[in-house]
Amino acid sequence: MNIIVCVKRVPDTETRIRVGDDGTSIDPSGVKYVLSPYDEFAVEAALRVREARGEGEVTVVTLGDDASQETLRSALAMGADKALLLQGEATADGLATARALAAEIETADPSLVLLGVKAADDDQQQVGPMLATLLGRPCATAVSGFELSDASVTCHSEVEGGTQVLELPLPAVLTITKGEYEPRYASLKGIMAAKRKPLETKEAQTAPSRLRVRTMELPPERSAGRIVGEGPDAVPELVRLLREEANVL
């Protein structure tokens, strides 16, 4: 079974973000970029399928510039077999991204396409379903676990208040969320092996982005806290402030 995992290069979630001088992008100076955490779940899921079946190939694919090779090498160090960099601009237009991925994946015809449920930077949660639609394949989102048979995949998807069980025919597209696929750490052996694994680069079939970021700004600073008293005697004053100042009661 051949599996393709679509991944994205994003700023480290612990990085302190600053807005750039143009007001529409982040200042990249001093920012560490990593493989999006939800994409790590997808890579881990693909590796476990290959290991359980004892055969198959895991390919990681991303859309971006040359700096994205580092992200692909991270996935190769985890255990993926090969990588493909589609050179093109990664924009806020999820449909443009999905179209670039679909143009490549359609010719590869994998049994399973996996993505993280969302990217850690834009949190749009749309590329996976759009990709499935363009490929004409069934899709399950927010999958925390799945089981494969020869012709179908049974998915456990997180929904409000419980878990939804879906059965999809193969080939299919799944977006993976946090669940049973805790990503493994890359070993020193895996890191060294990643340097020798194939990483292909080709021009992406991209369309102009239909979305434009108009402004970007940091959230406002939180106001300082206020102590209104101690113990039960402070309750009336707290209730008054919540009603009259905060307007939440």
Protein backbone atom coordinates (compact mmCIF):
# COMPACT_ATOMS: atom_id res chain seq x y z
CA MET A 1 0.00 0.00 0.00
CA ASN A 2 1.35 3.38 -1.02
CA ILE A 3 0.49 6.36 1.18
CA ILE A 4 1.05 10.06 0.52
CA VAL A 5 1.20 12.47 3.45
CA CYS A 6 0.78 16.16 2.71
CA VAL A 7 2.71 18.34 5.17
CA LYS A 8 3.39 22.02 5.76
CA ARG A 9 6.25 24.13 7.10
CA VAL A 10 5.00 26.43 9.87
CA PRO A 11 6.50 28.64 12.60
CA ASP A 12 7.27 26.75 15.80
CA THR A 13 4.24 27.07 18.09
CA GLU A 14 6.54 28.30 20.86
CA THR A 15 8.06 31.05 18.71
CA ARG A 16 7.25 34.64 19.64
CA ILE A 17 5.66 36.10 16.51
CA ARG A 18 6.17 39.69 15.37
CA VAL A 19 4.23 41.40 12.60
CA GLY A 20 6.43 42.45 9.65
CA ASP A 21 6.92 46.01 8.48
CA ASP A 22 4.39 45.49 5.68
CA GLY A 23 1.63 44.78 8.20
CA THR A 24 0.43 41.73 6.25
CA SER A 25 2.99 39.07 7.17
CA ILE A 26 5.12 37.94 10.07
CA ASP A 27 8.70 39.03 10.58
CA PRO A 28 10.73 35.88 9.78
CA SER A 29 13.88 36.99 11.60
CA GLY A 30 14.57 34.72 14.53
CA VAL A 31 11.59 32.47 13.76
CA LYS A 32 12.15 28.72 13.90
CA TYR A 33 10.12 26.71 11.39
CA VAL A 34 8.97 23.14 11.97
CA LEU A 35 6.78 20.40 10.57
CA SER A 36 3.20 21.32 11.54
CA PRO A 37 2.31 19.29 14.67
CA TYR A 38 -0.92 17.87 13.23
CA ASP A 39 1.02 16.77 10.15
CA GLU A 40 3.32 14.84 12.51
CA PHE A 41 0.26 12.82 13.57
CA ALA A 42 -0.45 12.08 9.90
CA VAL A 43 3.13 10.96 9.26
CA GLU A 44 3.03 8.72 12.33
CA ALA A 45 -0.26 7.19 11.18
CA ALA A 46 1.21 6.41 7.76
CA LEU A 47 4.31 4.83 9.26
CA ARG A 48 2.23 2.59 11.52
CA VAL A 49 0.17 1.38 8.56
CA ARG A 50 3.31 0.49 6.63
CA GLU A 51 4.83 -1.28 9.63
CA ALA A 52 1.64 -3.21 10.43
CA ARG A 53 1.25 -4.43 6.85
CA GLY A 54 4.94 -5.12 6.37
CA GLU A 55 4.97 -3.49 2.94
CA GLY A 56 4.21 -0.27 1.12
CA GLU A 57 5.78 3.15 0.77
CA VAL A 58 5.24 6.45 2.56
CA THR A 59 5.85 9.64 0.55
CA VAL A 60 5.70 13.11 2.10
CA VAL A 61 4.74 16.05 -0.11
CA THR A 62 4.75 19.78 0.53
CA LEU A 63 4.15 22.99 -1.39
CA GLY A 64 6.71 25.72 -0.71
CA ASP A 65 10.16 27.10 -1.38
CA ASP A 66 13.60 25.53 -0.93
CA ALA A 67 13.48 26.13 2.84
CA SER A 68 10.70 23.52 3.00
CA GLN A 69 13.28 20.81 2.31
CA GLU A 70 14.18 20.95 6.00
CA THR A 71 10.58 20.11 6.87
CA LEU A 72 10.58 17.18 4.48
CA ARG A 73 13.85 15.90 5.95
CA SER A 74 12.21 15.92 9.38
CA ALA A 75 9.50 13.59 8.07
CA LEU A 76 12.12 11.40 6.39
CA ALA A 77 14.00 11.19 9.69
CA MET A 78 10.82 9.91 11.35
CA GLY A 79 10.78 7.07 8.82
CA ALA A 80 9.10 8.19 5.58
CA ASP A 81 10.60 6.59 2.48
CA LYS A 82 10.83 9.55 0.11
CA ALA A 83 9.81 13.18 -0.26
CA LEU A 84 8.59 15.58 -2.92
CA LEU A 85 8.86 19.36 -2.84
CA LEU A 86 6.41 21.15 -5.11
CA GLN A 87 8.06 24.50 -5.61
CA GLY A 88 5.55 27.30 -5.46
CA GLU A 89 4.18 29.97 -3.18
CA ALA A 90 2.19 28.70 -0.21
CA THR A 91 -0.59 31.27 0.22
CA ALA A 92 -3.67 31.68 2.40
CA ASP A 93 -5.79 30.32 -0.46
CA GLY A 94 -6.48 26.73 0.57
CA LEU A 95 -8.07 25.89 -2.77
CA ALA A 96 -4.93 26.96 -4.66
CA THR A 97 -2.90 24.68 -2.38
CA ALA A 98 -5.32 21.79 -2.84
CA ARG A 99 -5.20 22.17 -6.62
CA ALA A 100 -1.39 22.08 -6.66
CA LEU A 101 -1.38 18.94 -4.50
CA ALA A 102 -4.16 17.28 -6.49
CA ALA A 103 -2.34 17.77 -9.80
CA GLU A 104 0.57 15.73 -8.45
CA ILE A 105 -1.31 13.17 -6.36
CA GLU A 106 -3.74 12.27 -9.14
CA THR A 107 -0.91 10.84 -11.24
CA ALA A 108 0.58 8.92 -8.29
CA ASP A 109 -2.79 7.30 -7.42
CA PRO A 110 -2.00 6.30 -3.79
CA SER A 111 -4.37 4.11 -1.79
CA LEU A 112 -4.44 6.61 1.06
CA VAL A 113 -3.77 10.34 1.36
CA LEU A 114 -3.25 11.71 4.87
CA LEU A 115 -3.04 15.30 6.12
CA GLY A 116 -3.06 16.96 9.49
CA VAL A 117 -6.55 18.16 10.40
CA LYS A 118 -5.24 21.73 10.23
CA ALA A 119 -2.05 23.73 9.84
CA ALA A 120 -0.70 25.28 13.01
CA ASP A 121 -0.33 28.70 11.38
CA ASP A 122 -3.62 29.45 9.55
CA ASP A 123 -5.93 26.86 11.21
CA GLN A 124 -8.24 26.76 8.16
CA GLN A 125 -8.99 23.00 8.12
CA GLN A 126 -9.95 23.11 4.45
CA VAL A 127 -7.15 21.73 2.28
CA GLY A 128 -7.94 18.08 3.09
CA PRO A 129 -11.64 18.15 2.11
CA MET A 130 -10.89 20.32 -0.94
CA LEU A 131 -8.17 17.90 -2.05
CA ALA A 132 -10.54 14.94 -1.67
CA THR A 133 -13.18 16.72 -3.77
CA LEU A 134 -10.69 17.51 -6.53
CA LEU A 135 -9.49 13.89 -6.54
CA GLY A 136 -13.04 12.53 -6.45
CA ARG A 137 -12.30 10.50 -3.31
CA PRO A 138 -14.24 10.07 -0.05
CA CYS A 139 -12.95 12.04 2.91
CA ALA A 140 -13.09 11.74 6.70
CA THR A 141 -11.91 14.64 8.86
CA ALA A 142 -10.66 14.93 12.45
CA VAL A 143 -9.75 11.23 12.47
CA SER A 144 -8.21 10.10 15.76
CA GLY A 145 -7.77 6.48 14.69
CA PHE A 146 -8.54 4.16 11.77
CA GLU A 147 -8.37 0.53 10.67
CA LEU A 148 -7.67 -0.64 7.14
CA SER A 149 -8.98 -3.59 5.19
CA ASP A 150 -8.14 -4.46 1.60
CA ALA A 151 -10.97 -2.37 0.17
CA SER A 152 -12.03 0.11 2.89
CA VAL A 153 -10.96 2.15 5.90
CA THR A 154 -12.94 2.48 9.13
CA CYS A 155 -12.38 5.87 10.76
CA HIS A 156 -13.07 7.16 14.24
CA SER A 157 -13.73 10.89 13.99
CA GLU A 158 -14.03 13.23 16.93
CA VAL A 159 -17.37 15.09 17.08
CA GLU A 160 -18.92 17.18 19.82
CA GLY A 161 -19.85 14.89 22.67
CA GLY A 162 -18.51 11.67 21.22
CA THR A 163 -16.90 9.73 18.38
CA GLN A 164 -18.33 9.09 14.94
CA VAL A 165 -17.43 5.84 13.16
CA LEU A 166 -17.27 6.03 9.37
CA GLU A 167 -16.43 3.42 6.75
CA LEU A 168 -14.98 4.70 3.47
CA PRO A 169 -14.00 2.78 0.34
CA LEU A 170 -10.39 3.03 -0.77
CA PRO A 171 -8.73 5.10 -2.13
CA ALA A 172 -9.59 7.79 0.42
CA VAL A 173 -8.39 11.04 2.01
CA LEU A 174 -8.17 11.40 5.81
CA THR A 175 -7.27 14.37 7.98
CA ILE A 176 -5.67 13.29 11.26
CA THR A 177 -6.10 14.89 14.66
CA LYS A 178 -4.55 14.22 18.04
CA GLY A 179 -5.45 10.73 19.20
CA GLU A 180 -3.58 7.46 19.15
CA TYR A 181 -0.88 8.64 16.73
CA GLU A 182 1.61 10.20 19.12
CA PRO A 183 4.56 11.02 16.82
CA ARG A 184 7.81 9.19 17.39
CA TYR A 185 11.10 10.98 17.96
CA ALA A 186 13.57 10.81 15.12
CA SER A 187 16.56 8.69 16.16
CA LEU A 188 20.14 9.61 15.31
CA LYS A 189 20.12 6.72 12.85
CA GLY A 190 16.93 8.07 11.27
CA ILE A 191 18.37 11.58 11.00
CA MET A 192 21.48 10.29 9.26
CA ALA A 193 19.42 8.04 6.96
CA ALA A 194 17.19 10.99 6.00
CA LYS A 195 20.15 12.66 4.32
CA ARG A 196 20.39 9.76 1.86
CA LYS A 197 16.70 9.28 1.15
CA PRO A 198 15.34 10.63 -2.16
CA LEU A 199 13.95 14.15 -2.11
CA GLU A 200 12.59 15.20 -5.49
CA THR A 201 11.90 18.81 -6.46
CA LYS A 202 9.57 19.92 -9.22
CA GLU A 203 7.60 22.99 -10.16
CA ALA A 204 4.09 23.05 -8.74
CA GLN A 205 1.07 23.57 -10.97
CA THR A 206 -0.15 26.60 -9.06
CA ALA A 207 -2.96 29.04 -9.76
CA PRO A 208 -2.98 32.67 -8.60
CA SER A 209 -4.18 33.09 -5.04
CA ARG A 210 -7.72 34.47 -4.80
CA LEU A 211 -7.18 35.55 -1.20
CA ARG A 212 -5.14 38.47 0.06
CA VAL A 213 -4.16 39.26 3.62
CA ARG A 214 -5.18 42.88 4.17
CA THR A 215 -3.83 43.39 7.69
CA MET A 216 -2.21 41.38 10.41
CA GLU A 217 -1.98 42.47 14.04
CA LEU A 218 -1.21 40.99 17.42
CA PRO A 219 -4.05 40.54 19.94
CA PRO A 220 -4.44 43.42 22.40
CA GLU A 221 -2.53 43.28 25.65
CA ARG A 222 -4.55 41.96 28.53
CA SER A 223 -5.40 44.49 31.21
CA ALA A 224 -3.94 43.95 34.65
CA GLY A 225 -5.92 41.90 37.14
CA ARG A 226 -7.63 43.48 40.14
CA ILE A 227 -8.12 42.12 43.64
CA VAL A 228 -11.58 43.08 44.94
CA GLY A 229 -11.23 41.55 48.39
CA GLU A 230 -10.72 38.27 50.20
CA GLY A 231 -13.04 35.48 51.21
CA PRO A 232 -16.86 35.54 51.20
CA ASP A 233 -16.95 39.27 51.92
CA ALA A 234 -15.59 39.95 48.41
CA VAL A 235 -18.46 38.16 46.62
CA PRO A 236 -20.95 41.08 46.52
CA GLU A 237 -18.34 43.42 45.05
CA LEU A 238 -17.27 40.78 42.51
CA VAL A 239 -20.87 40.25 41.42
CA ARG A 240 -21.39 44.01 41.09
CA LEU A 241 -18.29 44.39 38.90
CA LEU A 242 -19.29 41.46 36.70
CA ARG A 243 -22.74 42.99 36.23
CA GLU A 244 -21.91 46.67 35.89
CA GLU A 245 -18.42 46.74 34.36
CA ALA A 246 -17.90 43.42 32.58
CA ASN A 247 -21.57 43.13 31.54
CA VAL A 248 -21.46 39.34 31.77
CA LEU A 249 -24.31 38.89 34.25
